[in-house]
Amino acid sequence: MNKIRILPIAITAALTAAVLFGGWFGYRHYGVEQPLDRVANAIAGVENATVEMGAGSVKIDVKLAPDANIAEVYRKIKQEGSGEIGSKQFELTADASSNERLEKAWSYALFDVAEAMETRKYSGIRDAMDGLSAHFPGVTATTDMDEDNVYISLRDGNAAKFVVLPREPATLGAWSNA
């Protein structure tokens, strides 16, 4: 009667698991994350980009130059990286060389921006940003919007602050007595 040897079976199982998981992580890094890194880093205004992959999401953190256009960066990454992003949820986080004055200006406008986002009256964001120049001379603000996000860029000389606010699509409501 042949005895089953535990050691060769355990070694075979361990090697099989290592090859499968190693192949998966290698594919994810070299086949998905690295191409997205290259796409993001090639866009004008992007100084550095890092990609984090999740089960159903792709998060890209970008360090932007003060003169970058955050909305254009988002669109180009989404368009040129569509093969890697696929149907996953895409999130972009932007960072730049901010300063205390920009942080104070953002804090000043935050209530109005939050209210506009909550009520989905996005013109309130533009109005709040236009009012910043009166309270903080030298600070310029630009806004942009697409079907996914609202983009806010604050600039003060060589300093910049970028904010990406995700939009919630309008939902169709139903009445309980309908």
Protein backbone atom coordinates (compact mmCIF):
# COMPACT_ATOMS: atom_id res chain seq x y z
CA MET A 1 0.00 0.00 0.00
CA ASN A 2 1.40 3.39 -1.00
CA LYS A 3 1.52 6.06 1.63
CA ILE A 4 0.66 9.63 0.73
CA ARG A 5 3.59 11.88 1.30
CA ILE A 6 2.54 15.12 2.95
CA LEU A 7 5.71 17.12 2.28
CA PRO A 8 5.65 16.90 -1.56
CA ILE A 9 1.93 17.75 -1.63
CA ALA A 10 2.44 20.75 0.66
CA ILE A 11 5.37 22.01 -1.42
CA THR A 12 3.38 21.60 -4.65
CA ALA A 13 0.39 23.46 -3.18
CA ALA A 14 2.62 26.28 -1.91
CA LEU A 15 4.37 26.65 -5.28
CA THR A 16 1.05 26.62 -7.14
CA ALA A 17 -0.36 29.33 -4.86
CA ALA A 18 2.82 31.41 -5.22
CA VAL A 19 2.69 31.20 -9.03
CA LEU A 20 -1.03 32.06 -9.19
CA PHE A 21 -0.94 34.96 -6.75
CA GLY A 22 2.42 36.18 -8.04
CA GLY A 23 1.04 36.17 -11.57
CA TRP A 24 -2.05 38.09 -10.50
CA PHE A 25 -0.06 40.74 -8.62
CA GLY A 26 2.45 40.97 -11.47
CA TYR A 27 -0.35 41.48 -14.00
CA ARG A 28 -2.02 44.09 -11.80
CA HIS A 29 1.23 46.01 -11.34
CA TYR A 30 2.79 45.72 -14.82
CA GLY A 31 -0.38 45.40 -16.86
CA VAL A 32 -2.68 47.91 -15.16
CA GLU A 33 -1.03 50.17 -12.57
CA GLN A 34 2.17 50.94 -14.47
CA PRO A 35 0.40 51.89 -17.74
CA LEU A 36 -1.93 54.18 -15.78
CA ASP A 37 1.13 55.71 -14.09
CA ARG A 38 2.61 56.42 -17.51
CA VAL A 39 -0.66 57.87 -18.85
CA ALA A 40 -1.10 60.18 -15.85
CA ASN A 41 2.53 61.30 -15.73
CA ALA A 42 2.49 62.16 -19.46
CA ILE A 43 -0.33 64.72 -19.10
CA ALA A 44 0.63 68.39 -19.09
CA GLY A 45 0.58 69.85 -15.59
CA VAL A 46 1.07 66.53 -13.77
CA GLU A 47 4.31 66.48 -11.81
CA ASN A 48 3.83 63.05 -10.22
CA ALA A 49 1.11 60.40 -10.16
CA THR A 50 0.58 57.24 -8.13
CA VAL A 51 -2.05 54.59 -8.75
CA GLU A 52 -3.84 52.48 -6.16
CA MET A 53 -5.97 49.59 -7.36
CA GLY A 54 -8.83 48.16 -5.36
CA ALA A 55 -11.30 45.38 -6.08
CA GLY A 56 -13.74 47.67 -7.88
CA SER A 57 -11.95 50.99 -7.85
CA VAL A 58 -8.97 52.88 -9.22
CA LYS A 59 -7.60 55.79 -7.22
CA ILE A 60 -4.99 58.08 -8.72
CA ASP A 61 -3.20 60.66 -6.61
CA VAL A 62 -1.62 63.42 -8.67
CA LYS A 63 0.73 66.22 -7.72
CA LEU A 64 -0.06 69.11 -10.04
CA ALA A 65 1.80 72.18 -11.19
CA PRO A 66 0.14 75.46 -10.12
CA ASP A 67 -0.97 76.21 -13.71
CA ALA A 68 -2.55 72.79 -14.32
CA ASN A 69 -6.14 72.34 -15.46
CA ILE A 70 -7.61 69.76 -13.07
CA ALA A 71 -10.70 69.06 -15.21
CA GLU A 72 -8.55 68.39 -18.29
CA VAL A 73 -6.24 66.12 -16.29
CA TYR A 74 -9.26 64.09 -15.11
CA ARG A 75 -10.70 63.81 -18.62
CA LYS A 76 -7.43 62.77 -20.22
CA ILE A 77 -6.67 60.13 -17.58
CA LYS A 78 -10.18 58.73 -17.88
CA GLN A 79 -10.05 58.75 -21.68
CA GLU A 80 -6.48 57.51 -22.26
CA GLY A 81 -6.60 55.04 -19.37
CA SER A 82 -10.04 53.67 -20.16
CA GLY A 83 -8.63 50.24 -21.07
CA GLU A 84 -7.04 49.87 -17.63
CA ILE A 85 -9.84 51.53 -15.67
CA GLY A 86 -12.62 49.63 -17.41
CA SER A 87 -15.84 49.58 -15.41
CA LYS A 88 -14.11 50.28 -12.10
CA GLN A 89 -14.98 53.38 -10.12
CA PHE A 90 -12.38 56.06 -10.87
CA GLU A 91 -11.32 58.58 -8.24
CA LEU A 92 -8.78 61.36 -8.72
CA THR A 93 -7.16 63.17 -5.81
CA ALA A 94 -5.14 66.27 -6.67
CA ASP A 95 -2.46 67.94 -4.60
CA ALA A 96 -0.45 71.08 -5.27
CA SER A 97 1.73 73.58 -3.48
CA SER A 98 -0.91 75.33 -1.42
CA ASN A 99 -0.36 78.08 1.11
CA GLU A 100 -2.09 79.37 4.22
CA ARG A 101 -3.92 82.09 2.31
CA LEU A 102 -5.48 79.57 -0.10
CA GLU A 103 -6.46 77.29 2.78
CA LYS A 104 -8.12 80.26 4.50
CA ALA A 105 -9.93 81.21 1.29
CA TRP A 106 -11.14 77.62 0.84
CA SER A 107 -12.37 77.52 4.44
CA TYR A 108 -14.21 80.79 3.85
CA ALA A 109 -16.05 79.38 0.81
CA LEU A 110 -16.55 75.85 2.12
CA PHE A 111 -20.00 76.42 3.61
CA ASP A 112 -21.39 77.86 0.36
CA VAL A 113 -19.78 75.08 -1.67
CA ALA A 114 -21.17 72.38 0.63
CA GLU A 115 -24.64 73.91 0.45
CA ALA A 116 -24.50 74.09 -3.36
CA MET A 117 -23.38 70.46 -3.58
CA GLU A 118 -26.09 69.32 -1.18
CA THR A 119 -28.87 71.14 -3.03
CA ARG A 120 -27.35 70.38 -6.47
CA LYS A 121 -27.44 74.06 -7.38
CA TYR A 122 -23.94 74.08 -8.83
CA SER A 123 -24.08 77.73 -9.90
CA GLY A 124 -23.73 78.51 -6.19
CA ILE A 125 -20.20 77.12 -6.34
CA ARG A 126 -19.27 79.52 -9.13
CA ASP A 127 -20.84 82.41 -7.19
CA ALA A 128 -18.91 81.47 -4.05
CA MET A 129 -15.64 81.25 -6.00
CA ASP A 130 -16.28 84.60 -7.70
CA GLY A 131 -16.75 86.16 -4.27
CA LEU A 132 -13.36 84.97 -3.05
CA SER A 133 -11.48 87.59 -5.06
CA ALA A 134 -13.29 90.36 -3.18
CA HIS A 135 -12.39 88.92 0.24
CA PHE A 136 -8.93 87.66 -0.73
CA PRO A 137 -7.37 90.02 -3.31
CA GLY A 138 -4.92 88.19 -5.56
CA VAL A 139 -6.64 84.82 -5.18
CA THR A 140 -8.19 83.61 -8.41
CA ALA A 141 -10.67 80.78 -8.62
CA THR A 142 -11.88 78.77 -11.59
CA THR A 143 -14.60 76.16 -11.71
CA ASP A 144 -15.45 73.47 -14.19
CA MET A 145 -17.98 70.68 -14.23
CA ASP A 146 -18.74 67.50 -16.13
CA GLU A 147 -21.11 64.59 -15.63
CA ASP A 148 -18.88 63.12 -12.90
CA ASN A 149 -17.37 65.95 -10.86
CA VAL A 150 -17.12 69.61 -10.03
CA TYR A 151 -13.54 70.92 -10.30
CA ILE A 152 -12.30 73.92 -8.34
CA SER A 153 -8.89 75.53 -8.82
CA LEU A 154 -7.66 78.24 -6.45
CA ARG A 155 -4.46 80.12 -7.29
CA ASP A 156 -2.37 82.66 -5.45
CA GLY A 157 0.86 83.46 -7.27
CA ASN A 158 2.87 80.23 -7.47
CA ALA A 159 0.59 78.42 -5.01
CA ALA A 160 -2.47 76.44 -6.00
CA LYS A 161 -5.19 74.32 -4.42
CA PHE A 162 -7.25 71.85 -6.43
CA VAL A 163 -10.52 70.28 -5.28
CA VAL A 164 -12.49 67.54 -7.03
CA LEU A 165 -16.05 67.16 -5.75
CA PRO A 166 -17.97 64.12 -6.99
CA ARG A 167 -21.44 64.82 -8.32
CA GLU A 168 -24.32 62.57 -7.49
CA PRO A 169 -26.54 62.02 -10.49
CA ALA A 170 -30.13 63.08 -10.14
CA THR A 171 -32.29 60.17 -9.07
CA LEU A 172 -35.79 59.56 -10.23
CA GLY A 173 -38.08 59.63 -7.26
CA ALA A 174 -41.29 57.69 -6.89
CA TRP A 175 -44.18 58.62 -4.73
CA SER A 176 -45.50 56.04 -2.33
CA ASN A 177 -49.06 56.58 -3.51
CA ALA A 178 -48.21 56.39 -7.22
